[in-house]
Amino acid sequence: MGMFGDIMAKLGLGGEAEPAPPTPAPGPAAPEAPRIHVAPPLPPRPAEVPVVDVVAQLEQSAAANPQQLNWETSIVDLLKLLEIDSSYSARKELARELDCPEELMADSAQMNMWLHKTVLARVAANGGNVPASLLD
């Protein structure tokens, strides 16, 4: 699991998928029966993504934290609040994982702003209730 997976897990999003059931071993060969064409089964309905109130979680964590962390605008503070490594090298790793454009990775301030917006947007896309004001 990458850093973004760690972020999702800390927020209670993106639980691990259940493993596929094992395929039964073929039985003994039977005489060939006439072939009947049957329509393939319908694919399973996609599971609804549960909505998690990310803002409430982060505000509650921020209130309990002795540091004044501005998670609404700072990727460093957001990572600190989630108790995830916020070092420059960790942020570069997260930027690579999320496909940050190379020209932004050369400027740490630009990379940080891109990371903050991208992390919040991806959290929202995966069931996190993130207000539009934090996604602009």
C-alpha atoms as a PDB file:
ATOM      1  CA  MET A   1       0.000   0.000   0.000  1.00  0.00           C
ATOM      2  CA  GLY A   2       1.389   3.397  -0.966  1.00  0.00           C
ATOM      3  CA  MET A   3       1.208   6.649   0.932  1.00  0.00           C
ATOM      4  CA  PHE A   4      -2.162   7.544  -0.551  1.00  0.00           C
ATOM      5  CA  GLY A   5      -3.454   4.187   0.666  1.00  0.00           C
ATOM      6  CA  ASP A   6      -2.198   5.122   4.135  1.00  0.00           C
ATOM      7  CA  ILE A   7      -4.105   8.417   3.937  1.00  0.00           C
ATOM      8  CA  MET A   8      -7.273   6.616   2.883  1.00  0.00           C
ATOM      9  CA  ALA A   9      -6.906   4.057   5.666  1.00  0.00           C
ATOM     10  CA  LYS A  10      -6.402   6.778   8.307  1.00  0.00           C
ATOM     11  CA  LEU A  11      -9.621   8.414   7.096  1.00  0.00           C
ATOM     12  CA  GLY A  12     -11.546   5.133   7.148  1.00  0.00           C
ATOM     13  CA  LEU A  13     -11.903   4.974   3.363  1.00  0.00           C
ATOM     14  CA  GLY A  14     -11.036   2.337   0.797  1.00  0.00           C
ATOM     15  CA  GLY A  15     -11.268  -0.871   2.816  1.00  0.00           C
ATOM     16  CA  GLU A  16      -9.458  -3.839   1.373  1.00  0.00           C
ATOM     17  CA  ALA A  17     -11.364  -5.870  -1.176  1.00  0.00           C
ATOM     18  CA  GLU A  18     -12.461  -9.352  -0.189  1.00  0.00           C
ATOM     19  CA  PRO A  19     -10.422 -12.114  -1.789  1.00  0.00           C
ATOM     20  CA  ALA A  20     -12.079 -14.029  -4.631  1.00  0.00           C
ATOM     21  CA  PRO A  21     -13.476 -17.427  -3.667  1.00  0.00           C
ATOM     22  CA  PRO A  22     -11.269 -20.343  -4.708  1.00  0.00           C
ATOM     23  CA  THR A  23     -12.088 -22.037  -8.006  1.00  0.00           C
ATOM     24  CA  PRO A  24     -13.295 -25.608  -7.453  1.00  0.00           C
ATOM     25  CA  ALA A  25     -11.117 -28.356  -8.880  1.00  0.00           C
ATOM     26  CA  PRO A  26     -12.564 -30.046 -11.949  1.00  0.00           C
ATOM     27  CA  GLY A  27     -14.310 -33.339 -11.250  1.00  0.00           C
ATOM     28  CA  PRO A  28     -13.926 -36.565 -13.165  1.00  0.00           C
ATOM     29  CA  ALA A  29     -14.576 -36.377 -16.876  1.00  0.00           C
ATOM     30  CA  ALA A  30     -18.184 -37.056 -17.818  1.00  0.00           C
ATOM     31  CA  PRO A  31     -19.552 -38.069 -21.180  1.00  0.00           C
ATOM     32  CA  GLU A  32     -19.999 -35.061 -23.399  1.00  0.00           C
ATOM     33  CA  ALA A  33     -23.520 -33.687 -23.224  1.00  0.00           C
ATOM     34  CA  PRO A  34     -25.193 -31.633 -25.927  1.00  0.00           C
ATOM     35  CA  ARG A  35     -24.121 -27.986 -25.700  1.00  0.00           C
ATOM     36  CA  ILE A  36     -26.724 -25.462 -24.672  1.00  0.00           C
ATOM     37  CA  HIS A  37     -25.991 -21.790 -25.177  1.00  0.00           C
ATOM     38  CA  VAL A  38     -26.680 -19.876 -21.996  1.00  0.00           C
ATOM     39  CA  ALA A  39     -26.347 -16.141 -21.610  1.00  0.00           C
ATOM     40  CA  PRO A  40     -23.408 -15.182 -19.386  1.00  0.00           C
ATOM     41  CA  PRO A  41     -24.346 -14.127 -15.865  1.00  0.00           C
ATOM     42  CA  LEU A  42     -24.822 -10.437 -15.202  1.00  0.00           C
ATOM     43  CA  PRO A  43     -21.861  -8.744 -13.552  1.00  0.00           C
ATOM     44  CA  PRO A  44     -22.328  -8.041  -9.848  1.00  0.00           C
ATOM     45  CA  ARG A  45     -23.678  -4.622  -8.946  1.00  0.00           C
ATOM     46  CA  PRO A  46     -20.920  -2.300  -7.827  1.00  0.00           C
ATOM     47  CA  ALA A  47     -20.964  -1.712  -4.103  1.00  0.00           C
ATOM     48  CA  GLU A  48     -21.978   1.775  -3.094  1.00  0.00           C
ATOM     49  CA  VAL A  49     -19.117   3.841  -1.757  1.00  0.00           C
ATOM     50  CA  PRO A  50     -19.863   4.837   1.835  1.00  0.00           C
ATOM     51  CA  VAL A  51     -19.507   8.559   2.481  1.00  0.00           C
ATOM     52  CA  VAL A  52     -17.123   9.528   5.264  1.00  0.00           C
ATOM     53  CA  ASP A  53     -17.242  13.006   6.809  1.00  0.00           C
ATOM     54  CA  VAL A  54     -13.552  13.794   6.372  1.00  0.00           C
ATOM     55  CA  VAL A  55     -13.859  17.387   7.589  1.00  0.00           C
ATOM     56  CA  ALA A  56     -15.458  16.352  10.891  1.00  0.00           C
ATOM     57  CA  GLN A  57     -12.729  13.749  11.450  1.00  0.00           C
ATOM     58  CA  LEU A  58      -9.927  16.184  10.688  1.00  0.00           C
ATOM     59  CA  GLU A  59     -11.424  18.994  12.755  1.00  0.00           C
ATOM     60  CA  GLN A  60     -11.838  16.633  15.705  1.00  0.00           C
ATOM     61  CA  SER A  61      -8.223  15.479  15.363  1.00  0.00           C
ATOM     62  CA  ALA A  62      -7.012  19.069  15.018  1.00  0.00           C
ATOM     63  CA  ALA A  63      -8.870  20.115  18.174  1.00  0.00           C
ATOM     64  CA  ALA A  64      -7.188  17.296  20.117  1.00  0.00           C
ATOM     65  CA  ASN A  65      -3.732  18.069  18.702  1.00  0.00           C
ATOM     66  CA  PRO A  66      -1.484  20.418  20.711  1.00  0.00           C
ATOM     67  CA  GLN A  67      -0.029  21.911  17.493  1.00  0.00           C
ATOM     68  CA  GLN A  68      -1.899  24.512  15.472  1.00  0.00           C
ATOM     69  CA  LEU A  69      -2.218  22.569  12.202  1.00  0.00           C
ATOM     70  CA  ASN A  70      -3.751  24.250   9.164  1.00  0.00           C
ATOM     71  CA  TRP A  71      -4.793  21.079   7.331  1.00  0.00           C
ATOM     72  CA  GLU A  72      -7.238  23.005   5.107  1.00  0.00           C
ATOM     73  CA  THR A  73      -4.383  24.549   3.107  1.00  0.00           C
ATOM     74  CA  SER A  74      -1.190  22.679   4.029  1.00  0.00           C
ATOM     75  CA  ILE A  75      -0.301  19.177   2.876  1.00  0.00           C
ATOM     76  CA  VAL A  76       2.383  19.054   5.578  1.00  0.00           C
ATOM     77  CA  ASP A  77      -0.158  19.826   8.292  1.00  0.00           C
ATOM     78  CA  LEU A  78      -2.679  17.399   6.788  1.00  0.00           C
ATOM     79  CA  LEU A  79      -0.112  14.590   6.867  1.00  0.00           C
ATOM     80  CA  LYS A  80       0.961  15.503  10.412  1.00  0.00           C
ATOM     81  CA  LEU A  81      -2.649  15.437  11.546  1.00  0.00           C
ATOM     82  CA  LEU A  82      -3.022  11.948  10.066  1.00  0.00           C
ATOM     83  CA  GLU A  83       0.259  10.903  11.735  1.00  0.00           C
ATOM     84  CA  ILE A  84       1.888  10.160   8.381  1.00  0.00           C
ATOM     85  CA  ASP A  85       5.462  11.112   7.483  1.00  0.00           C
ATOM     86  CA  SER A  86       5.360  14.697   6.185  1.00  0.00           C
ATOM     87  CA  SER A  87       9.062  15.015   5.337  1.00  0.00           C
ATOM     88  CA  TYR A  88      10.094  16.437   1.984  1.00  0.00           C
ATOM     89  CA  SER A  89      11.180  13.004   0.742  1.00  0.00           C
ATOM     90  CA  ALA A  90       7.844  11.466   1.795  1.00  0.00           C
ATOM     91  CA  ARG A  91       5.940  14.240   0.012  1.00  0.00           C
ATOM     92  CA  LYS A  92       8.022  13.696  -3.131  1.00  0.00           C
ATOM     93  CA  GLU A  93       7.181   9.995  -2.934  1.00  0.00           C
ATOM     94  CA  LEU A  94       3.471  10.832  -2.605  1.00  0.00           C
ATOM     95  CA  ALA A  95       3.748  13.265  -5.524  1.00  0.00           C
ATOM     96  CA  ARG A  96       5.283  10.532  -7.702  1.00  0.00           C
ATOM     97  CA  GLU A  97       2.595   8.069  -6.611  1.00  0.00           C
ATOM     98  CA  LEU A  98      -0.135  10.532  -7.628  1.00  0.00           C
ATOM     99  CA  ASP A  99       1.591  11.437 -10.942  1.00  0.00           C
ATOM    100  CA  CYS A 100       2.545  15.022 -10.151  1.00  0.00           C
ATOM    101  CA  PRO A 101       3.860  16.846 -13.250  1.00  0.00           C
ATOM    102  CA  GLU A 102       7.671  17.009 -13.259  1.00  0.00           C
ATOM    103  CA  GLU A 103       7.735  20.800 -13.585  1.00  0.00           C
ATOM    104  CA  LEU A 104       5.836  21.106 -10.285  1.00  0.00           C
ATOM    105  CA  MET A 105       8.102  18.644  -8.499  1.00  0.00           C
ATOM    106  CA  ALA A 106      11.064  20.931  -9.144  1.00  0.00           C
ATOM    107  CA  ASP A 107       9.447  23.636  -6.953  1.00  0.00           C
ATOM    108  CA  SER A 108       8.497  22.376  -3.480  1.00  0.00           C
ATOM    109  CA  ALA A 109       5.864  25.096  -2.910  1.00  0.00           C
ATOM    110  CA  GLN A 110       4.135  24.284  -6.213  1.00  0.00           C
ATOM    111  CA  MET A 111       4.386  20.569  -5.518  1.00  0.00           C
ATOM    112  CA  ASN A 112       2.864  21.034  -2.041  1.00  0.00           C
ATOM    113  CA  MET A 113      -0.086  23.042  -3.380  1.00  0.00           C
ATOM    114  CA  TRP A 114      -0.689  20.461  -6.107  1.00  0.00           C
ATOM    115  CA  LEU A 115      -0.439  17.624  -3.590  1.00  0.00           C
ATOM    116  CA  HIS A 116      -2.916  19.205  -1.183  1.00  0.00           C
ATOM    117  CA  LYS A 117      -5.545  19.749  -3.880  1.00  0.00           C
ATOM    118  CA  THR A 118      -4.967  16.355  -5.465  1.00  0.00           C
ATOM    119  CA  VAL A 119      -5.109  14.429  -2.176  1.00  0.00           C
ATOM    120  CA  LEU A 120      -8.372  16.126  -1.177  1.00  0.00           C
ATOM    121  CA  ALA A 121      -9.863  15.591  -4.654  1.00  0.00           C
ATOM    122  CA  ARG A 122      -8.961  11.901  -4.629  1.00  0.00           C
ATOM    123  CA  VAL A 123     -10.281  11.493  -1.099  1.00  0.00           C
ATOM    124  CA  ALA A 124     -13.548  13.063  -2.293  1.00  0.00           C
ATOM    125  CA  ALA A 125     -13.627  10.759  -5.329  1.00  0.00           C
ATOM    126  CA  ASN A 126     -13.296   7.757  -3.022  1.00  0.00           C
ATOM    127  CA  GLY A 127     -16.157   8.535  -0.661  1.00  0.00           C
ATOM    128  CA  GLY A 128     -14.763  11.349   1.465  1.00  0.00           C
ATOM    129  CA  ASN A 129     -17.202  14.196   2.053  1.00  0.00           C
ATOM    130  CA  VAL A 130     -14.921  17.127   1.198  1.00  0.00           C
ATOM    131  CA  PRO A 131     -16.542  20.534   0.629  1.00  0.00           C
ATOM    132  CA  ALA A 132     -16.100  22.208  -2.768  1.00  0.00           C
ATOM    133  CA  SER A 133     -14.364  25.148  -1.079  1.00  0.00           C
ATOM    134  CA  LEU A 134     -11.405  22.851  -0.292  1.00  0.00           C
ATOM    135  CA  LEU A 135     -11.310  21.456  -3.812  1.00  0.00           C
ATOM    136  CA  ASP A 136     -11.018  24.756  -5.731  1.00  0.00           C
END
